[in-house]
């Protein structure tokens, strides 16, 4: 299955997958989600359907329902789209869902998270493969730049849709793409896209190594029930700070199934709870509470 918006990146991905589908022995199914946020959205949907017919690729189209455009954020739109992809990947029993993020998208994400003060977890940016709710998402174009994508389509004489909202700097990502990254490339480092994407990959490799060690500690030392997750204060104090923070993240994920439920500020508050005698509890997002007993540090719902 492949996400197909009709834009340059997704068109390049679709053309490549169609060209390789016999060599890869894959069956393709396109999915297109119409957020109905732009006047051109209906034209894009028609374009996608017509191209799928031309390429002999079945397509499933979804449309936004029940949410006002004015109240739909970028992240809300992304979550809505992913829910649609997951639903139909499970329905079709798809092996993977291919998405068309490029090296530029990775660099933009890394820079945005760097400005927010992310650690290794956030600096990974966009992962080349990731499982969400049992569905495997892959990004085959993550090592390819946007200019290369557009050159490929030009050589193949393949048209694509242009989203005019991508030129509106009221959106943070667009502002980073259109203003900040060109400034950094012009004034500081012409290779900034490559440097940021390399940082994302390195951070991902480092995080994966540390995370594998943290999972071993978690499995051995953390006590889990349906209502709480706990580990001895003594064990937590003996851990290296990097490993301690990962264990805190894993404790929250064990209850919420969300690996990003805690930010760095939350984790620092829990670390203070572990290392200082005066504090006895910390309230966290999603009604979570980390409390301290004589022997244990315990995470539960407040």
C-alpha atoms as a PDB file:
ATOM      1  CA  UNK A   1       0.000   0.000   0.000  1.00  0.00           C
ATOM      2  CA  UNK A   2       1.251   3.519  -0.762  1.00  0.00           C
ATOM      3  CA  UNK A   3       0.104   6.938   0.374  1.00  0.00           C
ATOM      4  CA  UNK A   4      -0.625   9.001  -2.723  1.00  0.00           C
ATOM      5  CA  UNK A   5      -1.409  12.705  -2.346  1.00  0.00           C
ATOM      6  CA  UNK A   6      -0.648  13.562  -5.962  1.00  0.00           C
ATOM      7  CA  UNK A   7       2.229  15.861  -4.968  1.00  0.00           C
ATOM      8  CA  UNK A   8       5.721  15.580  -6.411  1.00  0.00           C
ATOM      9  CA  UNK A   9       7.123  13.277  -3.719  1.00  0.00           C
ATOM     10  CA  UNK A  10       4.235  10.826  -3.686  1.00  0.00           C
ATOM     11  CA  UNK A  11       4.036  10.838  -7.494  1.00  0.00           C
ATOM     12  CA  UNK A  12       7.733   9.951  -7.727  1.00  0.00           C
ATOM     13  CA  UNK A  13       7.248   7.154  -5.196  1.00  0.00           C
ATOM     14  CA  UNK A  14       4.232   5.802  -7.050  1.00  0.00           C
ATOM     15  CA  UNK A  15       6.035   5.875 -10.418  1.00  0.00           C
ATOM     16  CA  UNK A  16       9.021   4.042  -8.927  1.00  0.00           C
ATOM     17  CA  UNK A  17       6.857   1.403  -7.234  1.00  0.00           C
ATOM     18  CA  UNK A  18       4.886   0.813 -10.431  1.00  0.00           C
ATOM     19  CA  UNK A  19       8.120   0.406 -12.399  1.00  0.00           C
ATOM     20  CA  UNK A  20       9.486  -2.056  -9.833  1.00  0.00           C
ATOM     21  CA  UNK A  21       6.358  -3.944  -8.791  1.00  0.00           C
ATOM     22  CA  UNK A  22       7.119  -7.022 -10.909  1.00  0.00           C
ATOM     23  CA  UNK A  23      10.785  -7.160  -9.830  1.00  0.00           C
ATOM     24  CA  UNK A  24       9.762  -6.728  -6.190  1.00  0.00           C
ATOM     25  CA  UNK A  25       6.835  -9.143  -6.575  1.00  0.00           C
ATOM     26  CA  UNK A  26       4.440  -6.712  -4.874  1.00  0.00           C
ATOM     27  CA  UNK A  27       0.818  -5.787  -5.343  1.00  0.00           C
ATOM     28  CA  UNK A  28       0.159  -2.060  -5.118  1.00  0.00           C
ATOM     29  CA  UNK A  29      -2.841  -0.325  -3.613  1.00  0.00           C
ATOM     30  CA  UNK A  30      -2.925   3.480  -3.344  1.00  0.00           C
ATOM     31  CA  UNK A  31      -4.602   5.395  -0.514  1.00  0.00           C
ATOM     32  CA  UNK A  32      -5.522   9.060  -0.754  1.00  0.00           C
ATOM     33  CA  UNK A  33      -6.994  11.168   2.050  1.00  0.00           C
ATOM     34  CA  UNK A  34      -8.830  14.378   1.163  1.00  0.00           C
ATOM     35  CA  UNK A  35      -8.739  16.758   4.143  1.00  0.00           C
ATOM     36  CA  UNK A  36     -11.029  19.170   2.249  1.00  0.00           C
ATOM     37  CA  UNK A  37      -8.956  22.063   3.589  1.00  0.00           C
ATOM     38  CA  UNK A  38      -8.244  23.707   0.216  1.00  0.00           C
ATOM     39  CA  UNK A  39     -10.357  24.662  -2.816  1.00  0.00           C
ATOM     40  CA  UNK A  40      -8.029  22.521  -4.963  1.00  0.00           C
ATOM     41  CA  UNK A  41      -8.439  19.413  -2.792  1.00  0.00           C
ATOM     42  CA  UNK A  42     -11.191  17.962  -4.966  1.00  0.00           C
ATOM     43  CA  UNK A  43      -9.073  18.514  -8.092  1.00  0.00           C
ATOM     44  CA  UNK A  44      -6.173  16.682  -6.413  1.00  0.00           C
ATOM     45  CA  UNK A  45      -8.455  13.769  -5.573  1.00  0.00           C
ATOM     46  CA  UNK A  46      -9.626  13.520  -9.188  1.00  0.00           C
ATOM     47  CA  UNK A  47      -6.024  13.705 -10.387  1.00  0.00           C
ATOM     48  CA  UNK A  48      -5.004  10.840  -8.070  1.00  0.00           C
ATOM     49  CA  UNK A  49      -7.919   8.634  -9.125  1.00  0.00           C
ATOM     50  CA  UNK A  50      -7.244   9.250 -12.831  1.00  0.00           C
ATOM     51  CA  UNK A  51      -3.525   8.489 -12.482  1.00  0.00           C
ATOM     52  CA  UNK A  52      -4.230   5.310 -10.556  1.00  0.00           C
ATOM     53  CA  UNK A  53      -6.531   4.206 -13.356  1.00  0.00           C
ATOM     54  CA  UNK A  54      -3.801   5.017 -15.884  1.00  0.00           C
ATOM     55  CA  UNK A  55      -1.206   3.071 -13.864  1.00  0.00           C
ATOM     56  CA  UNK A  56      -3.616   0.192 -13.216  1.00  0.00           C
ATOM     57  CA  UNK A  57      -3.333   0.637  -9.454  1.00  0.00           C
ATOM     58  CA  UNK A  58      -6.447   0.268  -7.267  1.00  0.00           C
ATOM     59  CA  UNK A  59      -7.077   3.272  -5.028  1.00  0.00           C
ATOM     60  CA  UNK A  60      -9.053   3.912  -1.841  1.00  0.00           C
ATOM     61  CA  UNK A  61     -10.089   7.506  -1.132  1.00  0.00           C
ATOM     62  CA  UNK A  62     -11.030   8.908   2.256  1.00  0.00           C
ATOM     63  CA  UNK A  63     -12.474  12.308   3.110  1.00  0.00           C
ATOM     64  CA  UNK A  64     -12.565  14.371   6.271  1.00  0.00           C
ATOM     65  CA  UNK A  65     -15.820  14.009   8.163  1.00  0.00           C
ATOM     66  CA  UNK A  66     -17.248  15.963  11.088  1.00  0.00           C
ATOM     67  CA  UNK A  67     -14.281  18.227  11.909  1.00  0.00           C
ATOM     68  CA  UNK A  68     -14.375  21.902  10.949  1.00  0.00           C
ATOM     69  CA  UNK A  69     -11.457  22.988   8.787  1.00  0.00           C
ATOM     70  CA  UNK A  70     -10.763  25.953  11.072  1.00  0.00           C
ATOM     71  CA  UNK A  71     -10.255  23.654  14.075  1.00  0.00           C
ATOM     72  CA  UNK A  72      -8.017  21.150  12.278  1.00  0.00           C
ATOM     73  CA  UNK A  73      -4.318  21.633  13.093  1.00  0.00           C
ATOM     74  CA  UNK A  74      -1.390  20.258  11.081  1.00  0.00           C
ATOM     75  CA  UNK A  75      -0.915  17.530  13.678  1.00  0.00           C
ATOM     76  CA  UNK A  76      -4.644  16.808  13.758  1.00  0.00           C
ATOM     77  CA  UNK A  77      -4.679  16.407   9.987  1.00  0.00           C
ATOM     78  CA  UNK A  78      -1.692  14.068  10.157  1.00  0.00           C
ATOM     79  CA  UNK A  79      -3.339  11.924  12.839  1.00  0.00           C
ATOM     80  CA  UNK A  80      -6.551  11.744  10.831  1.00  0.00           C
ATOM     81  CA  UNK A  81      -4.609  10.655   7.752  1.00  0.00           C
ATOM     82  CA  UNK A  82      -2.653   8.002   9.653  1.00  0.00           C
ATOM     83  CA  UNK A  83      -5.829   6.550  11.169  1.00  0.00           C
ATOM     84  CA  UNK A  84      -7.208   6.220   7.649  1.00  0.00           C
ATOM     85  CA  UNK A  85      -4.016   4.525   6.426  1.00  0.00           C
ATOM     86  CA  UNK A  86      -3.979   2.122   9.393  1.00  0.00           C
ATOM     87  CA  UNK A  87      -7.653   1.216   8.965  1.00  0.00           C
ATOM     88  CA  UNK A  88      -7.248   0.251   5.322  1.00  0.00           C
ATOM     89  CA  UNK A  89      -3.842  -1.382   5.739  1.00  0.00           C
ATOM     90  CA  UNK A  90      -5.447  -3.725   8.269  1.00  0.00           C
ATOM     91  CA  UNK A  91      -8.473  -4.234   6.013  1.00  0.00           C
ATOM     92  CA  UNK A  92      -6.286  -5.094   3.020  1.00  0.00           C
ATOM     93  CA  UNK A  93      -3.785  -7.062   5.148  1.00  0.00           C
ATOM     94  CA  UNK A  94      -1.036  -4.939   3.620  1.00  0.00           C
ATOM     95  CA  UNK A  95       2.545  -5.918   4.355  1.00  0.00           C
ATOM     96  CA  UNK A  96       3.619  -2.248   4.511  1.00  0.00           C
ATOM     97  CA  UNK A  97       2.456   1.299   3.876  1.00  0.00           C
ATOM     98  CA  UNK A  98       4.972   3.289   1.810  1.00  0.00           C
ATOM     99  CA  UNK A  99       5.126   7.051   2.419  1.00  0.00           C
ATOM    100  CA  UNK A 100       7.012   9.593   0.307  1.00  0.00           C
ATOM    101  CA  UNK A 101       8.985  11.624   2.846  1.00  0.00           C
ATOM    102  CA  UNK A 102      12.342  12.806   1.485  1.00  0.00           C
ATOM    103  CA  UNK A 103      15.692  13.875   2.938  1.00  0.00           C
ATOM    104  CA  UNK A 104      14.382  17.464   2.992  1.00  0.00           C
ATOM    105  CA  UNK A 105      11.422  16.426   5.158  1.00  0.00           C
ATOM    106  CA  UNK A 106      13.830  14.687   7.534  1.00  0.00           C
ATOM    107  CA  UNK A 107      16.092  17.762   7.759  1.00  0.00           C
ATOM    108  CA  UNK A 108      13.106  20.046   8.427  1.00  0.00           C
ATOM    109  CA  UNK A 109      11.818  17.774  11.185  1.00  0.00           C
ATOM    110  CA  UNK A 110      15.233  17.474  12.850  1.00  0.00           C
ATOM    111  CA  UNK A 111      15.699  21.264  12.805  1.00  0.00           C
ATOM    112  CA  UNK A 112      12.219  21.892  14.230  1.00  0.00           C
ATOM    113  CA  UNK A 113      12.825  19.423  17.046  1.00  0.00           C
ATOM    114  CA  UNK A 114      16.305  20.797  17.680  1.00  0.00           C
ATOM    115  CA  UNK A 115      14.743  24.225  18.211  1.00  0.00           C
ATOM    116  CA  UNK A 116      12.329  22.666  20.725  1.00  0.00           C
ATOM    117  CA  UNK A 117      15.205  21.125  22.685  1.00  0.00           C
ATOM    118  CA  UNK A 118      14.604  17.470  21.813  1.00  0.00           C
ATOM    119  CA  UNK A 119      16.946  14.696  22.895  1.00  0.00           C
ATOM    120  CA  UNK A 120      17.914  11.618  20.860  1.00  0.00           C
ATOM    121  CA  UNK A 121      14.294  10.424  20.756  1.00  0.00           C
ATOM    122  CA  UNK A 122      13.091  13.568  18.971  1.00  0.00           C
ATOM    123  CA  UNK A 123      16.230  14.160  16.903  1.00  0.00           C
ATOM    124  CA  UNK A 124      15.638  10.871  15.091  1.00  0.00           C
ATOM    125  CA  UNK A 125      13.187  12.944  13.060  1.00  0.00           C
ATOM    126  CA  UNK A 126      11.347  10.776  10.537  1.00  0.00           C
ATOM    127  CA  UNK A 127      12.160   7.076  10.815  1.00  0.00           C
ATOM    128  CA  UNK A 128      12.778   4.965   7.672  1.00  0.00           C
ATOM    129  CA  UNK A 129      10.493   2.287   9.067  1.00  0.00           C
ATOM    130  CA  UNK A 130       8.103   2.278  11.997  1.00  0.00           C
ATOM    131  CA  UNK A 131       5.280   0.095  13.282  1.00  0.00           C
ATOM    132  CA  UNK A 132       2.115   1.903  14.395  1.00  0.00           C
ATOM    133  CA  UNK A 133      -0.811  -0.133  15.767  1.00  0.00           C
ATOM    134  CA  UNK A 134       0.531  -3.243  14.064  1.00  0.00           C
ATOM    135  CA  UNK A 135       1.005  -1.564  10.665  1.00  0.00           C
ATOM    136  CA  UNK A 136       4.489  -1.260   9.172  1.00  0.00           C
ATOM    137  CA  UNK A 137       5.215   2.172   7.660  1.00  0.00           C
ATOM    138  CA  UNK A 138       8.232   2.532   5.354  1.00  0.00           C
ATOM    139  CA  UNK A 139       9.779   5.594   3.682  1.00  0.00           C
ATOM    140  CA  UNK A 140      11.836   4.520   0.652  1.00  0.00           C
ATOM    141  CA  UNK A 141      12.706   8.084  -0.435  1.00  0.00           C
ATOM    142  CA  UNK A 142      14.173   9.248   2.879  1.00  0.00           C
ATOM    143  CA  UNK A 143      17.702   9.338   1.460  1.00  0.00           C
ATOM    144  CA  UNK A 144      16.685  11.304  -1.650  1.00  0.00           C
ATOM    145  CA  UNK A 145      16.491  15.100  -1.882  1.00  0.00           C
ATOM    146  CA  UNK A 146      13.453  17.010  -3.094  1.00  0.00           C
ATOM    147  CA  UNK A 147      15.389  18.470  -6.040  1.00  0.00           C
ATOM    148  CA  UNK A 148      16.236  14.929  -7.207  1.00  0.00           C
ATOM    149  CA  UNK A 149      12.560  13.978  -6.996  1.00  0.00           C
ATOM    150  CA  UNK A 150      11.516  16.919  -9.140  1.00  0.00           C
ATOM    151  CA  UNK A 151      14.305  16.210 -11.648  1.00  0.00           C
ATOM    152  CA  UNK A 152      13.146  12.582 -11.905  1.00  0.00           C
ATOM    153  CA  UNK A 153       9.572  13.655 -12.662  1.00  0.00           C
ATOM    154  CA  UNK A 154      10.811  16.197 -15.198  1.00  0.00           C
ATOM    155  CA  UNK A 155      12.841  13.538 -17.036  1.00  0.00           C
ATOM    156  CA  UNK A 156       9.864  11.176 -17.014  1.00  0.00           C
ATOM    157  CA  UNK A 157       7.529  14.021 -18.068  1.00  0.00           C
ATOM    158  CA  UNK A 158       5.161  13.151 -15.250  1.00  0.00           C
ATOM    159  CA  UNK A 159       2.840  15.870 -13.897  1.00  0.00           C
ATOM    160  CA  UNK A 160       1.977  16.346 -10.246  1.00  0.00           C
ATOM    161  CA  UNK A 161      -0.233  18.462  -8.011  1.00  0.00           C
ATOM    162  CA  UNK A 162       1.053  21.605  -6.336  1.00  0.00           C
ATOM    163  CA  UNK A 163      -0.292  22.436  -2.874  1.00  0.00           C
ATOM    164  CA  UNK A 164      -0.406  26.235  -2.730  1.00  0.00           C
ATOM    165  CA  UNK A 165      -0.655  26.182   1.080  1.00  0.00           C
ATOM    166  CA  UNK A 166       2.955  24.950   1.102  1.00  0.00           C
ATOM    167  CA  UNK A 167       3.916  28.545   0.291  1.00  0.00           C
ATOM    168  CA  UNK A 168       2.107  29.962   3.334  1.00  0.00           C
ATOM    169  CA  UNK A 169       4.556  30.771   6.123  1.00  0.00           C
ATOM    170  CA  UNK A 170       1.842  30.789   8.795  1.00  0.00           C
ATOM    171  CA  UNK A 171       2.648  27.086   9.183  1.00  0.00           C
ATOM    172  CA  UNK A 172       5.834  26.379  11.153  1.00  0.00           C
ATOM    173  CA  UNK A 173       7.158  23.724   8.764  1.00  0.00           C
ATOM    174  CA  UNK A 174       6.667  25.999   5.769  1.00  0.00           C
ATOM    175  CA  UNK A 175       8.439  28.827   7.560  1.00  0.00           C
ATOM    176  CA  UNK A 176      11.376  26.537   8.310  1.00  0.00           C
ATOM    177  CA  UNK A 177      11.426  25.255   4.720  1.00  0.00           C
ATOM    178  CA  UNK A 178      11.006  28.588   2.950  1.00  0.00           C
ATOM    179  CA  UNK A 179      12.868  30.980   5.253  1.00  0.00           C
ATOM    180  CA  UNK A 180      15.100  29.383   7.903  1.00  0.00           C
ATOM    181  CA  UNK A 181      16.746  26.576   5.917  1.00  0.00           C
ATOM    182  CA  UNK A 182      17.548  28.827   2.909  1.00  0.00           C
ATOM    183  CA  UNK A 183      19.061  31.361   5.342  1.00  0.00           C
ATOM    184  CA  UNK A 184      21.218  28.674   6.999  1.00  0.00           C
ATOM    185  CA  UNK A 185      22.302  27.344   3.597  1.00  0.00           C
ATOM    186  CA  UNK A 186      23.115  30.829   2.279  1.00  0.00           C
ATOM    187  CA  UNK A 187      24.841  32.298   5.318  1.00  0.00           C
ATOM    188  CA  UNK A 188      26.258  29.355   7.265  1.00  0.00           C
ATOM    189  CA  UNK A 189      26.393  25.954   5.547  1.00  0.00           C
ATOM    190  CA  UNK A 190      25.385  25.138   1.953  1.00  0.00           C
ATOM    191  CA  UNK A 191      25.156  21.461   2.970  1.00  0.00           C
ATOM    192  CA  UNK A 192      22.721  22.084   5.834  1.00  0.00           C
ATOM    193  CA  UNK A 193      20.082  19.660   4.494  1.00  0.00           C
ATOM    194  CA  UNK A 194      22.581  16.812   4.387  1.00  0.00           C
ATOM    195  CA  UNK A 195      24.032  17.690   7.797  1.00  0.00           C
ATOM    196  CA  UNK A 196      20.630  17.737   9.475  1.00  0.00           C
ATOM    197  CA  UNK A 197      19.481  14.512   7.825  1.00  0.00           C
ATOM    198  CA  UNK A 198      22.775  12.842   8.844  1.00  0.00           C
ATOM    199  CA  UNK A 199      22.191  14.073  12.409  1.00  0.00           C
ATOM    200  CA  UNK A 200      18.748  12.453  12.347  1.00  0.00           C
ATOM    201  CA  UNK A 201      20.186   9.132  11.198  1.00  0.00           C
ATOM    202  CA  UNK A 202      23.018   9.213  13.754  1.00  0.00           C
ATOM    203  CA  UNK A 203      20.623  10.119  16.568  1.00  0.00           C
ATOM    204  CA  UNK A 204      18.383   7.265  15.466  1.00  0.00           C
ATOM    205  CA  UNK A 205      21.231   4.747  15.538  1.00  0.00           C
ATOM    206  CA  UNK A 206      22.420   5.959  18.947  1.00  0.00           C
ATOM    207  CA  UNK A 207      18.904   5.915  20.376  1.00  0.00           C
ATOM    208  CA  UNK A 208      18.298   2.397  19.062  1.00  0.00           C
ATOM    209  CA  UNK A 209      21.482   1.153  20.771  1.00  0.00           C
ATOM    210  CA  UNK A 210      20.633   2.795  24.110  1.00  0.00           C
ATOM    211  CA  UNK A 211      17.000   1.742  23.842  1.00  0.00           C
ATOM    212  CA  UNK A 212      17.892  -1.930  23.379  1.00  0.00           C
ATOM    213  CA  UNK A 213      19.910  -1.806  26.613  1.00  0.00           C
ATOM    214  CA  UNK A 214      17.094   0.043  28.419  1.00  0.00           C
ATOM    215  CA  UNK A 215      14.580  -2.617  27.344  1.00  0.00           C
ATOM    216  CA  UNK A 216      16.764  -5.335  28.886  1.00  0.00           C
ATOM    217  CA  UNK A 217      16.908  -3.436  32.183  1.00  0.00           C
ATOM    218  CA  UNK A 218      13.181  -2.738  32.021  1.00  0.00           C
ATOM    219  CA  UNK A 219      12.333  -6.396  31.470  1.00  0.00           C
ATOM    220  CA  UNK A 220      14.598  -7.505  34.330  1.00  0.00           C
ATOM    221  CA  UNK A 221      13.946  -4.874  37.009  1.00  0.00           C
ATOM    222  CA  UNK A 222      10.579  -3.195  36.397  1.00  0.00           C
ATOM    223  CA  UNK A 223       7.431  -4.650  37.982  1.00  0.00           C
ATOM    224  CA  UNK A 224       4.314  -4.196  35.837  1.00  0.00           C
ATOM    225  CA  UNK A 225       0.636  -4.633  36.624  1.00  0.00           C
ATOM    226  CA  UNK A 226      -2.494  -3.360  34.891  1.00  0.00           C
ATOM    227  CA  UNK A 227      -2.654  -0.349  37.230  1.00  0.00           C
ATOM    228  CA  UNK A 228       0.952   0.590  38.011  1.00  0.00           C
ATOM    229  CA  UNK A 229       4.573   0.261  36.940  1.00  0.00           C
ATOM    230  CA  UNK A 230       7.334   0.380  39.541  1.00  0.00           C
ATOM    231  CA  UNK A 231      11.071  -0.027  40.061  1.00  0.00           C
ATOM    232  CA  UNK A 232      13.222   0.340  43.156  1.00  0.00           C
ATOM    233  CA  UNK A 233      14.591   3.793  43.892  1.00  0.00           C
ATOM    234  CA  UNK A 234      17.987   2.223  44.595  1.00  0.00           C
ATOM    235  CA  UNK A 235      18.145   0.719  41.102  1.00  0.00           C
ATOM    236  CA  UNK A 236      17.118   3.984  39.445  1.00  0.00           C
ATOM    237  CA  UNK A 237      19.762   5.952  41.357  1.00  0.00           C
ATOM    238  CA  UNK A 238      22.461   3.515  40.227  1.00  0.00           C
ATOM    239  CA  UNK A 239      21.622   3.968  36.535  1.00  0.00           C
ATOM    240  CA  UNK A 240      23.417   6.390  34.228  1.00  0.00           C
ATOM    241  CA  UNK A 241      21.179   9.474  33.660  1.00  0.00           C
ATOM    242  CA  UNK A 242      20.725   8.589  29.973  1.00  0.00           C
ATOM    243  CA  UNK A 243      19.514   5.102  30.884  1.00  0.00           C
ATOM    244  CA  UNK A 244      17.363   6.389  33.753  1.00  0.00           C
ATOM    245  CA  UNK A 245      15.518   8.739  31.399  1.00  0.00           C
ATOM    246  CA  UNK A 246      14.835   5.920  28.963  1.00  0.00           C
ATOM    247  CA  UNK A 247      13.452   3.741  31.775  1.00  0.00           C
ATOM    248  CA  UNK A 248      11.116   6.591  32.786  1.00  0.00           C
ATOM    249  CA  UNK A 249       9.898   6.821  29.189  1.00  0.00           C
ATOM    250  CA  UNK A 250       9.346   3.064  29.049  1.00  0.00           C
ATOM    251  CA  UNK A 251       7.388   3.146  32.304  1.00  0.00           C
ATOM    252  CA  UNK A 252       5.023   5.767  30.855  1.00  0.00           C
ATOM    253  CA  UNK A 253       4.732   3.865  27.581  1.00  0.00           C
ATOM    254  CA  UNK A 254       3.866   0.660  29.445  1.00  0.00           C
ATOM    255  CA  UNK A 255       0.707   2.304  30.827  1.00  0.00           C
ATOM    256  CA  UNK A 256      -0.296   4.619  27.969  1.00  0.00           C
ATOM    257  CA  UNK A 257       1.045   2.820  24.864  1.00  0.00           C
ATOM    258  CA  UNK A 258       2.389   6.217  23.824  1.00  0.00           C
ATOM    259  CA  UNK A 259       6.221   6.472  23.648  1.00  0.00           C
ATOM    260  CA  UNK A 260       6.074  10.286  23.448  1.00  0.00           C
ATOM    261  CA  UNK A 261       3.687  10.983  26.327  1.00  0.00           C
ATOM    262  CA  UNK A 262       6.452  12.626  28.409  1.00  0.00           C
ATOM    263  CA  UNK A 263       8.639  15.529  27.326  1.00  0.00           C
ATOM    264  CA  UNK A 264      12.064  16.422  28.730  1.00  0.00           C
ATOM    265  CA  UNK A 265      10.577  18.704  31.401  1.00  0.00           C
ATOM    266  CA  UNK A 266       8.392  15.862  32.700  1.00  0.00           C
ATOM    267  CA  UNK A 267      11.345  13.479  32.801  1.00  0.00           C
ATOM    268  CA  UNK A 268      13.492  16.011  34.676  1.00  0.00           C
ATOM    269  CA  UNK A 269      10.706  16.377  37.251  1.00  0.00           C
ATOM    270  CA  UNK A 270      10.681  12.603  37.773  1.00  0.00           C
ATOM    271  CA  UNK A 271      14.471  12.595  38.111  1.00  0.00           C
ATOM    272  CA  UNK A 272      14.166  15.236  40.845  1.00  0.00           C
ATOM    273  CA  UNK A 273      11.616  12.996  42.556  1.00  0.00           C
ATOM    274  CA  UNK A 274      14.092  10.104  42.493  1.00  0.00           C
ATOM    275  CA  UNK A 275      17.120  12.047  43.720  1.00  0.00           C
ATOM    276  CA  UNK A 276      15.561  14.420  46.299  1.00  0.00           C
ATOM    277  CA  UNK A 277      14.047  13.307  49.596  1.00  0.00           C
ATOM    278  CA  UNK A 278      11.597  16.194  50.021  1.00  0.00           C
ATOM    279  CA  UNK A 279       9.391  15.501  46.987  1.00  0.00           C
ATOM    280  CA  UNK A 280       6.886  12.605  47.153  1.00  0.00           C
ATOM    281  CA  UNK A 281       4.904  12.787  43.882  1.00  0.00           C
ATOM    282  CA  UNK A 282       4.880  14.370  40.427  1.00  0.00           C
ATOM    283  CA  UNK A 283       1.747  14.855  38.331  1.00  0.00           C
ATOM    284  CA  UNK A 284       2.234  14.105  34.628  1.00  0.00           C
ATOM    285  CA  UNK A 285       0.151  14.298  31.405  1.00  0.00           C
ATOM    286  CA  UNK A 286      -2.788  11.945  30.779  1.00  0.00           C
ATOM    287  CA  UNK A 287      -3.621  11.868  34.516  1.00  0.00           C
ATOM    288  CA  UNK A 288      -0.401  10.002  35.253  1.00  0.00           C
ATOM    289  CA  UNK A 289       1.296  10.368  38.623  1.00  0.00           C
ATOM    290  CA  UNK A 290       4.782   9.249  39.605  1.00  0.00           C
ATOM    291  CA  UNK A 291       4.943   8.693  43.359  1.00  0.00           C
ATOM    292  CA  UNK A 292       7.696   7.642  45.736  1.00  0.00           C
ATOM    293  CA  UNK A 293       7.407   5.148  48.551  1.00  0.00           C
ATOM    294  CA  UNK A 294      10.153   4.098  50.948  1.00  0.00           C
ATOM    295  CA  UNK A 295      11.500   1.570  48.463  1.00  0.00           C
ATOM    296  CA  UNK A 296       9.869   2.125  45.048  1.00  0.00           C
ATOM    297  CA  UNK A 297       9.245   4.777  42.424  1.00  0.00           C
ATOM    298  CA  UNK A 298       5.729   4.013  41.065  1.00  0.00           C
ATOM    299  CA  UNK A 299       3.817   5.251  38.036  1.00  0.00           C
ATOM    300  CA  UNK A 300       0.020   5.017  38.103  1.00  0.00           C
ATOM    301  CA  UNK A 301      -3.096   6.929  37.124  1.00  0.00           C
ATOM    302  CA  UNK A 302      -4.012   9.677  39.601  1.00  0.00           C
END
